[in-house]
Amino acid sequence: MTTYTWQDVGDENNKILTQEEKQTIADKWNANEQERASIQWKINRENEYPSWQDQMDMQYHDKVNGTSTWQTAIAKVKSDNPKE
């Protein structure tokens, strides 16, 4: 995870920012980074789950064929991306 300092913050729109203003911005960036890191598992799961159409198809075929492909697919995504 990246940690920002006031030195990472540039001036904006020809306005020169004070060190304190830059530190405030860096603190907000760090808070955003921490928030993103704390929910990374959720982002990963959303990207890896099959589409809802594919999930519906799996459920249909599981019902007809007596299989559990949908449950297996969902369990794999969850085990690969555990909640922290």
PDB file of N, CA and C in Angstrom:
ATOM      1  N   MET A   1       0.849  -1.175   0.000  1.00  0.00           N
ATOM      2  CA  MET A   1       0.000   0.000   0.000  1.00  0.00           C
ATOM      3  C   MET A   1       0.897   1.242   0.000  1.00  0.00           C
ATOM      4  N   THR A   2       0.528   2.203  -0.784  1.00  0.00           N
ATOM      5  CA  THR A   2       1.276   3.457  -0.893  1.00  0.00           C
ATOM      6  C   THR A   2       0.929   4.368   0.278  1.00  0.00           C
ATOM      7  N   THR A   3       1.943   5.018   0.825  1.00  0.00           N
ATOM      8  CA  THR A   3       1.727   6.034   1.851  1.00  0.00           C
ATOM      9  C   THR A   3       2.236   7.360   1.304  1.00  0.00           C
ATOM     10  N   TYR A   4       1.381   8.347   1.307  1.00  0.00           N
ATOM     11  CA  TYR A   4       1.699   9.647   0.748  1.00  0.00           C
ATOM     12  C   TYR A   4       2.136  10.631   1.830  1.00  0.00           C
ATOM     13  N   THR A   5       3.004  11.550   1.447  1.00  0.00           N
ATOM     14  CA  THR A   5       3.410  12.641   2.328  1.00  0.00           C
ATOM     15  C   THR A   5       3.075  13.955   1.638  1.00  0.00           C
ATOM     16  N   TRP A   6       3.224  15.044   2.342  1.00  0.00           N
ATOM     17  CA  TRP A   6       2.918  16.355   1.767  1.00  0.00           C
ATOM     18  C   TRP A   6       3.786  16.617   0.545  1.00  0.00           C
ATOM     19  N   GLN A   7       4.963  15.991   0.470  1.00  0.00           N
ATOM     20  CA  GLN A   7       5.868  16.213  -0.655  1.00  0.00           C
ATOM     21  C   GLN A   7       5.345  15.590  -1.951  1.00  0.00           C
ATOM     22  N   ASP A   8       4.414  14.654  -1.845  1.00  0.00           N
ATOM     23  CA  ASP A   8       3.829  14.018  -3.026  1.00  0.00           C
ATOM     24  C   ASP A   8       2.744  14.871  -3.671  1.00  0.00           C
ATOM     25  N   VAL A   9       2.283  15.882  -2.959  1.00  0.00           N
ATOM     26  CA  VAL A   9       1.176  16.710  -3.428  1.00  0.00           C
ATOM     27  C   VAL A   9       1.731  17.907  -4.190  1.00  0.00           C
ATOM     28  N   GLY A  10       1.236  18.087  -5.413  1.00  0.00           N
ATOM     29  CA  GLY A  10       1.659  19.233  -6.197  1.00  0.00           C
ATOM     30  C   GLY A  10       0.714  20.406  -6.005  1.00  0.00           C
ATOM     31  N   ASP A  11       1.119  21.555  -6.483  1.00  0.00           N
ATOM     32  CA  ASP A  11       0.258  22.732  -6.447  1.00  0.00           C
ATOM     33  C   ASP A  11      -0.772  22.594  -7.561  1.00  0.00           C
ATOM     34  N   GLU A  12      -1.908  23.240  -7.384  1.00  0.00           N
ATOM     35  CA  GLU A  12      -2.958  23.094  -8.384  1.00  0.00           C
ATOM     36  C   GLU A  12      -3.430  24.443  -8.902  1.00  0.00           C
ATOM     37  N   ASN A  13      -3.708  24.472 -10.184  1.00  0.00           N
ATOM     38  CA  ASN A  13      -4.266  25.657 -10.852  1.00  0.00           C
ATOM     39  C   ASN A  13      -3.516  26.942 -10.508  1.00  0.00           C
ATOM     40  N   ASN A  14      -2.199  26.868 -10.559  1.00  0.00           N
ATOM     41  CA  ASN A  14      -1.348  28.032 -10.294  1.00  0.00           C
ATOM     42  C   ASN A  14      -1.503  28.582  -8.876  1.00  0.00           C
ATOM     43  N   LYS A  15      -2.096  27.795  -7.982  1.00  0.00           N
ATOM     44  CA  LYS A  15      -2.205  28.207  -6.579  1.00  0.00           C
ATOM     45  C   LYS A  15      -1.153  27.446  -5.797  1.00  0.00           C
ATOM     46  N   ILE A  16      -0.321  28.148  -5.102  1.00  0.00           N
ATOM     47  CA  ILE A  16       0.712  27.506  -4.303  1.00  0.00           C
ATOM     48  C   ILE A  16       0.106  27.130  -2.959  1.00  0.00           C
ATOM     49  N   LEU A  17       0.198  25.854  -2.629  1.00  0.00           N
ATOM     50  CA  LEU A  17      -0.365  25.341  -1.388  1.00  0.00           C
ATOM     51  C   LEU A  17       0.687  25.346  -0.295  1.00  0.00           C
ATOM     52  N   THR A  18       0.234  25.564   0.915  1.00  0.00           N
ATOM     53  CA  THR A  18       1.146  25.509   2.057  1.00  0.00           C
ATOM     54  C   THR A  18       1.440  24.051   2.389  1.00  0.00           C
ATOM     55  N   GLN A  19       2.455  23.835   3.190  1.00  0.00           N
ATOM     56  CA  GLN A  19       2.795  22.478   3.604  1.00  0.00           C
ATOM     57  C   GLN A  19       1.626  21.853   4.366  1.00  0.00           C
ATOM     58  N   GLU A  20       0.952  22.636   5.176  1.00  0.00           N
ATOM     59  CA  GLU A  20      -0.189  22.118   5.941  1.00  0.00           C
ATOM     60  C   GLU A  20      -1.329  21.700   5.007  1.00  0.00           C
ATOM     61  N   GLU A  21      -1.592  22.518   3.973  1.00  0.00           N
ATOM     62  CA  GLU A  21      -2.636  22.160   3.006  1.00  0.00           C
ATOM     63  C   GLU A  21      -2.261  20.881   2.258  1.00  0.00           C
ATOM     64  N   LYS A  22      -0.990  20.781   1.890  1.00  0.00           N
ATOM     65  CA  LYS A  22      -0.537  19.574   1.199  1.00  0.00           C
ATOM     66  C   LYS A  22      -0.621  18.356   2.108  1.00  0.00           C
ATOM     67  N   GLN A  23      -0.318  18.542   3.393  1.00  0.00           N
ATOM     68  CA  GLN A  23      -0.409  17.429   4.338  1.00  0.00           C
ATOM     69  C   GLN A  23      -1.853  16.973   4.500  1.00  0.00           C
ATOM     70  N   THR A  24      -2.784  17.924   4.514  1.00  0.00           N
ATOM     71  CA  THR A  24      -4.203  17.579   4.604  1.00  0.00           C
ATOM     72  C   THR A  24      -4.627  16.737   3.401  1.00  0.00           C
ATOM     73  N   ILE A  25      -4.169  17.136   2.229  1.00  0.00           N
ATOM     74  CA  ILE A  25      -4.488  16.381   1.019  1.00  0.00           C
ATOM     75  C   ILE A  25      -3.857  14.987   1.089  1.00  0.00           C
ATOM     76  N   ALA A  26      -2.599  14.913   1.503  1.00  0.00           N
ATOM     77  CA  ALA A  26      -1.922  13.619   1.619  1.00  0.00           C
ATOM     78  C   ALA A  26      -2.638  12.715   2.619  1.00  0.00           C
ATOM     79  N   ASP A  27      -3.116  13.284   3.719  1.00  0.00           N
ATOM     80  CA  ASP A  27      -3.854  12.504   4.720  1.00  0.00           C
ATOM     81  C   ASP A  27      -5.129  11.928   4.120  1.00  0.00           C
ATOM     82  N   LYS A  28      -5.819  12.718   3.304  1.00  0.00           N
ATOM     83  CA  LYS A  28      -7.038  12.235   2.647  1.00  0.00           C
ATOM     84  C   LYS A  28      -6.708  11.127   1.652  1.00  0.00           C
ATOM     85  N   TRP A  29      -5.620  11.285   0.915  1.00  0.00           N
ATOM     86  CA  TRP A  29      -5.202  10.226  -0.009  1.00  0.00           C
ATOM     87  C   TRP A  29      -4.914   8.939   0.745  1.00  0.00           C
ATOM     88  N   ASN A  30      -4.220   9.061   1.886  1.00  0.00           N
ATOM     89  CA  ASN A  30      -3.898   7.876   2.683  1.00  0.00           C
ATOM     90  C   ASN A  30      -5.153   7.212   3.226  1.00  0.00           C
ATOM     91  N   ALA A  31      -6.117   8.013   3.646  1.00  0.00           N
ATOM     92  CA  ALA A  31      -7.384   7.454   4.137  1.00  0.00           C
ATOM     93  C   ALA A  31      -8.095   6.699   3.019  1.00  0.00           C
ATOM     94  N   ASN A  32      -8.079   7.265   1.814  1.00  0.00           N
ATOM     95  CA  ASN A  32      -8.699   6.592   0.672  1.00  0.00           C
ATOM     96  C   ASN A  32      -7.986   5.284   0.347  1.00  0.00           C
ATOM     97  N   GLU A  33      -6.663   5.282   0.415  1.00  0.00           N
ATOM     98  CA  GLU A  33      -5.878   4.069   0.170  1.00  0.00           C
ATOM     99  C   GLU A  33      -6.219   2.992   1.198  1.00  0.00           C
ATOM    100  N   GLN A  34      -6.342   3.382   2.453  1.00  0.00           N
ATOM    101  CA  GLN A  34      -6.675   2.419   3.505  1.00  0.00           C
ATOM    102  C   GLN A  34      -8.070   1.848   3.297  1.00  0.00           C
ATOM    103  N   GLU A  35      -9.011   2.698   2.914  1.00  0.00           N
ATOM    104  CA  GLU A  35     -10.374   2.241   2.654  1.00  0.00           C
ATOM    105  C   GLU A  35     -10.397   1.262   1.494  1.00  0.00           C
ATOM    106  N   ARG A  36      -9.694   1.610   0.429  1.00  0.00           N
ATOM    107  CA  ARG A  36      -9.646   0.729  -0.740  1.00  0.00           C
ATOM    108  C   ARG A  36      -9.011  -0.606  -0.377  1.00  0.00           C
ATOM    109  N   ALA A  37      -7.936  -0.580   0.369  1.00  0.00           N
ATOM    110  CA  ALA A  37      -7.257  -1.813   0.772  1.00  0.00           C
ATOM    111  C   ALA A  37      -8.157  -2.675   1.653  1.00  0.00           C
ATOM    112  N   SER A  38      -8.977  -2.052   2.491  1.00  0.00           N
ATOM    113  CA  SER A  38      -9.825  -2.816   3.400  1.00  0.00           C
ATOM    114  C   SER A  38     -10.975  -3.510   2.676  1.00  0.00           C
ATOM    115  N   ILE A  39     -11.312  -3.064   1.481  1.00  0.00           N
ATOM    116  CA  ILE A  39     -12.393  -3.711   0.723  1.00  0.00           C
ATOM    117  C   ILE A  39     -11.887  -4.365  -0.561  1.00  0.00           C
ATOM    118  N   GLN A  40     -10.586  -4.571  -0.671  1.00  0.00           N
ATOM    119  CA  GLN A  40     -10.031  -5.166  -1.885  1.00  0.00           C
ATOM    120  C   GLN A  40     -10.617  -6.547  -2.147  1.00  0.00           C
ATOM    121  N   TRP A  41     -10.879  -7.318  -1.084  1.00  0.00           N
ATOM    122  CA  TRP A  41     -11.475  -8.639  -1.260  1.00  0.00           C
ATOM    123  C   TRP A  41     -12.816  -8.534  -1.982  1.00  0.00           C
ATOM    124  N   LYS A  42     -13.572  -7.491  -1.652  1.00  0.00           N
ATOM    125  CA  LYS A  42     -14.892  -7.310  -2.261  1.00  0.00           C
ATOM    126  C   LYS A  42     -14.764  -6.970  -3.739  1.00  0.00           C
ATOM    127  N   ILE A  43     -13.820  -6.097  -4.058  1.00  0.00           N
ATOM    128  CA  ILE A  43     -13.579  -5.725  -5.449  1.00  0.00           C
ATOM    129  C   ILE A  43     -13.151  -6.951  -6.247  1.00  0.00           C
ATOM    130  N   ASN A  44     -12.252  -7.752  -5.665  1.00  0.00           N
ATOM    131  CA  ASN A  44     -11.795  -8.963  -6.347  1.00  0.00           C
ATOM    132  C   ASN A  44     -12.940  -9.937  -6.595  1.00  0.00           C
ATOM    133  N   ARG A  45     -13.792 -10.118  -5.586  1.00  0.00           N
ATOM    134  CA  ARG A  45     -14.934 -11.023  -5.761  1.00  0.00           C
ATOM    135  C   ARG A  45     -15.850 -10.534  -6.876  1.00  0.00           C
ATOM    136  N   GLU A  46     -16.149  -9.244  -6.877  1.00  0.00           N
ATOM    137  CA  GLU A  46     -17.038  -8.705  -7.907  1.00  0.00           C
ATOM    138  C   GLU A  46     -16.483  -8.961  -9.299  1.00  0.00           C
ATOM    139  N   ASN A  47     -15.176  -8.870  -9.455  1.00  0.00           N
ATOM    140  CA  ASN A  47     -14.555  -9.081 -10.757  1.00  0.00           C
ATOM    141  C   ASN A  47     -14.488 -10.554 -11.151  1.00  0.00           C
ATOM    142  N   GLU A  48     -14.493 -11.452 -10.179  1.00  0.00           N
ATOM    143  CA  GLU A  48     -14.311 -12.869 -10.475  1.00  0.00           C
ATOM    144  C   GLU A  48     -15.599 -13.682 -10.518  1.00  0.00           C
ATOM    145  N   TYR A  49     -16.668 -13.183  -9.913  1.00  0.00           N
ATOM    146  CA  TYR A  49     -17.921 -13.938  -9.994  1.00  0.00           C
ATOM    147  C   TYR A  49     -18.358 -14.068 -11.453  1.00  0.00           C
ATOM    148  N   PRO A  50     -18.956 -15.213 -11.794  1.00  0.00           N
ATOM    149  CA  PRO A  50     -19.525 -15.323 -13.138  1.00  0.00           C
ATOM    150  C   PRO A  50     -20.664 -14.310 -13.292  1.00  0.00           C
ATOM    151  N   SER A  51     -20.963 -13.950 -14.526  1.00  0.00           N
ATOM    152  CA  SER A  51     -22.067 -13.014 -14.763  1.00  0.00           C
ATOM    153  C   SER A  51     -23.358 -13.605 -14.204  1.00  0.00           C
ATOM    154  N   TRP A  52     -24.329 -12.762 -13.970  1.00  0.00           N
ATOM    155  CA  TRP A  52     -25.578 -13.277 -13.403  1.00  0.00           C
ATOM    156  C   TRP A  52     -26.247 -14.231 -14.387  1.00  0.00           C
ATOM    157  N   GLN A  53     -26.061 -13.987 -15.704  1.00  0.00           N
ATOM    158  CA  GLN A  53     -26.645 -14.889 -16.697  1.00  0.00           C
ATOM    159  C   GLN A  53     -26.008 -16.278 -16.601  1.00  0.00           C
ATOM    160  N   ASP A  54     -24.685 -16.302 -16.456  1.00  0.00           N
ATOM    161  CA  ASP A  54     -23.998 -17.587 -16.314  1.00  0.00           C
ATOM    162  C   ASP A  54     -24.401 -18.284 -15.021  1.00  0.00           C
ATOM    163  N   GLN A  55     -24.586 -17.504 -13.954  1.00  0.00           N
ATOM    164  CA  GLN A  55     -25.010 -18.102 -12.693  1.00  0.00           C
ATOM    165  C   GLN A  55     -26.410 -18.707 -12.805  1.00  0.00           C
ATOM    166  N   MET A  56     -27.304 -18.021 -13.480  1.00  0.00           N
ATOM    167  CA  MET A  56     -28.659 -18.557 -13.680  1.00  0.00           C
ATOM    168  C   MET A  56     -28.606 -19.847 -14.501  1.00  0.00           C
ATOM    169  N   ASP A  57     -27.759 -19.859 -15.527  1.00  0.00           N
ATOM    170  CA  ASP A  57     -27.595 -21.048 -16.359  1.00  0.00           C
ATOM    171  C   ASP A  57     -27.051 -22.214 -15.530  1.00  0.00           C
ATOM    172  N   MET A  58     -26.047 -21.926 -14.689  1.00  0.00           N
ATOM    173  CA  MET A  58     -25.491 -22.972 -13.827  1.00  0.00           C
ATOM    174  C   MET A  58     -26.560 -23.527 -12.896  1.00  0.00           C
ATOM    175  N   GLN A  59     -27.350 -22.641 -12.296  1.00  0.00           N
ATOM    176  CA  GLN A  59     -28.387 -23.084 -11.371  1.00  0.00           C
ATOM    177  C   GLN A  59     -29.427 -23.948 -12.085  1.00  0.00           C
ATOM    178  N   TYR A  60     -29.789 -23.553 -13.286  1.00  0.00           N
ATOM    179  CA  TYR A  60     -30.758 -24.341 -14.062  1.00  0.00           C
ATOM    180  C   TYR A  60     -30.206 -25.741 -14.326  1.00  0.00           C
ATOM    181  N   HIS A  61     -28.974 -25.792 -14.835  1.00  0.00           N
ATOM    182  CA  HIS A  61     -28.388 -27.089 -15.159  1.00  0.00           C
ATOM    183  C   HIS A  61     -28.118 -27.919 -13.904  1.00  0.00           C
ATOM    184  N   ASP A  62     -27.796 -27.269 -12.799  1.00  0.00           N
ATOM    185  CA  ASP A  62     -27.631 -28.002 -11.536  1.00  0.00           C
ATOM    186  C   ASP A  62     -28.944 -28.661 -11.130  1.00  0.00           C
ATOM    187  N   LYS A  63     -30.030 -27.930 -11.290  1.00  0.00           N
ATOM    188  CA  LYS A  63     -31.357 -28.453 -10.914  1.00  0.00           C
ATOM    189  C   LYS A  63     -31.731 -29.638 -11.812  1.00  0.00           C
ATOM    190  N   VAL A  64     -31.496 -29.485 -13.109  1.00  0.00           N
ATOM    191  CA  VAL A  64     -31.870 -30.526 -14.069  1.00  0.00           C
ATOM    192  C   VAL A  64     -30.961 -31.747 -13.930  1.00  0.00           C
ATOM    193  N   ASN A  65     -29.666 -31.522 -13.771  1.00  0.00           N
ATOM    194  CA  ASN A  65     -28.698 -32.621 -13.772  1.00  0.00           C
ATOM    195  C   ASN A  65     -28.310 -33.123 -12.381  1.00  0.00           C
ATOM    196  N   GLY A  66     -28.779 -32.438 -11.340  1.00  0.00           N
ATOM    197  CA  GLY A  66     -28.439 -32.847  -9.985  1.00  0.00           C
ATOM    198  C   GLY A  66     -26.979 -32.583  -9.637  1.00  0.00           C
ATOM    199  N   THR A  67     -26.414 -31.552 -10.249  1.00  0.00           N
ATOM    200  CA  THR A  67     -25.010 -31.210  -9.998  1.00  0.00           C
ATOM    201  C   THR A  67     -24.936 -29.992  -9.081  1.00  0.00           C
ATOM    202  N   SER A  68     -23.717 -29.554  -8.790  1.00  0.00           N
ATOM    203  CA  SER A  68     -23.543 -28.386  -7.922  1.00  0.00           C
ATOM    204  C   SER A  68     -22.469 -27.447  -8.485  1.00  0.00           C
ATOM    205  N   THR A  69     -22.479 -27.235  -9.778  1.00  0.00           N
ATOM    206  CA  THR A  69     -21.459 -26.379 -10.403  1.00  0.00           C
ATOM    207  C   THR A  69     -21.560 -24.935  -9.921  1.00  0.00           C
ATOM    208  N   TRP A  70     -22.778 -24.442  -9.714  1.00  0.00           N
ATOM    209  CA  TRP A  70     -22.936 -23.055  -9.262  1.00  0.00           C
ATOM    210  C   TRP A  70     -22.341 -22.889  -7.863  1.00  0.00           C
ATOM    211  N   GLN A  71     -22.698 -23.785  -6.951  1.00  0.00           N
ATOM    212  CA  GLN A  71     -22.174 -23.687  -5.582  1.00  0.00           C
ATOM    213  C   GLN A  71     -20.650 -23.804  -5.577  1.00  0.00           C
ATOM    214  N   THR A  72     -20.113 -24.678  -6.410  1.00  0.00           N
ATOM    215  CA  THR A  72     -18.664 -24.858  -6.484  1.00  0.00           C
ATOM    216  C   THR A  72     -17.992 -23.592  -7.006  1.00  0.00           C
ATOM    217  N   ALA A  73     -18.569 -22.977  -8.038  1.00  0.00           N
ATOM    218  CA  ALA A  73     -17.995 -21.757  -8.625  1.00  0.00           C
ATOM    219  C   ALA A  73     -17.995 -20.608  -7.614  1.00  0.00           C
ATOM    220  N   ILE A  74     -19.098 -20.434  -6.918  1.00  0.00           N
ATOM    221  CA  ILE A  74     -19.201 -19.355  -5.925  1.00  0.00           C
ATOM    222  C   ILE A  74     -18.257 -19.612  -4.749  1.00  0.00           C
ATOM    223  N   ALA A  75     -18.186 -20.852  -4.291  1.00  0.00           N
ATOM    224  CA  ALA A  75     -17.297 -21.195  -3.172  1.00  0.00           C
ATOM    225  C   ALA A  75     -15.833 -20.950  -3.533  1.00  0.00           C
ATOM    226  N   LYS A  76     -15.457 -21.222  -4.787  1.00  0.00           N
ATOM    227  CA  LYS A  76     -14.078 -20.992  -5.209  1.00  0.00           C
ATOM    228  C   LYS A  76     -13.734 -19.505  -5.176  1.00  0.00           C
ATOM    229  N   VAL A  77     -14.633 -18.662  -5.680  1.00  0.00           N
ATOM    230  CA  VAL A  77     -14.387 -17.214  -5.659  1.00  0.00           C
ATOM    231  C   VAL A  77     -14.248 -16.740  -4.219  1.00  0.00           C
ATOM    232  N   LYS A  78     -15.111 -17.226  -3.336  1.00  0.00           N
ATOM    233  CA  LYS A  78     -15.055 -16.814  -1.936  1.00  0.00           C
ATOM    234  C   LYS A  78     -13.786 -17.302  -1.250  1.00  0.00           C
ATOM    235  N   SER A  79     -13.371 -18.524  -1.543  1.00  0.00           N
ATOM    236  CA  SER A  79     -12.157 -19.037  -0.885  1.00  0.00           C
ATOM    237  C   SER A  79     -10.900 -18.369  -1.439  1.00  0.00           C
ATOM    238  N   ASP A  80     -10.916 -17.998  -2.718  1.00  0.00           N
ATOM    239  CA  ASP A  80      -9.772 -17.297  -3.318  1.00  0.00           C
ATOM    240  C   ASP A  80      -9.649 -15.858  -2.828  1.00  0.00           C
ATOM    241  N   ASN A  81     -10.760 -15.278  -2.360  1.00  0.00           N
ATOM    242  CA  ASN A  81     -10.795 -13.887  -1.917  1.00  0.00           C
ATOM    243  C   ASN A  81     -11.512 -13.784  -0.568  1.00  0.00           C
ATOM    244  N   PRO A  82     -10.881 -14.254   0.508  1.00  0.00           N
ATOM    245  CA  PRO A  82     -11.548 -14.235   1.811  1.00  0.00           C
ATOM    246  C   PRO A  82     -11.736 -12.819   2.348  1.00  0.00           C
ATOM    247  N   LYS A  83     -12.770 -12.655   3.139  1.00  0.00           N
ATOM    248  CA  LYS A  83     -12.977 -11.375   3.820  1.00  0.00           C
ATOM    249  C   LYS A  83     -11.848 -11.175   4.800  1.00  0.00           C
ATOM    250  N   GLU A  84     -11.423  -9.942   4.945  1.00  0.00           N
ATOM    251  CA  GLU A  84     -10.312  -9.672   5.866  1.00  0.00           C
ATOM    252  C   GLU A  84     -10.806  -9.120   7.172  1.00  0.00           C
TER     253      GLU A  84
END
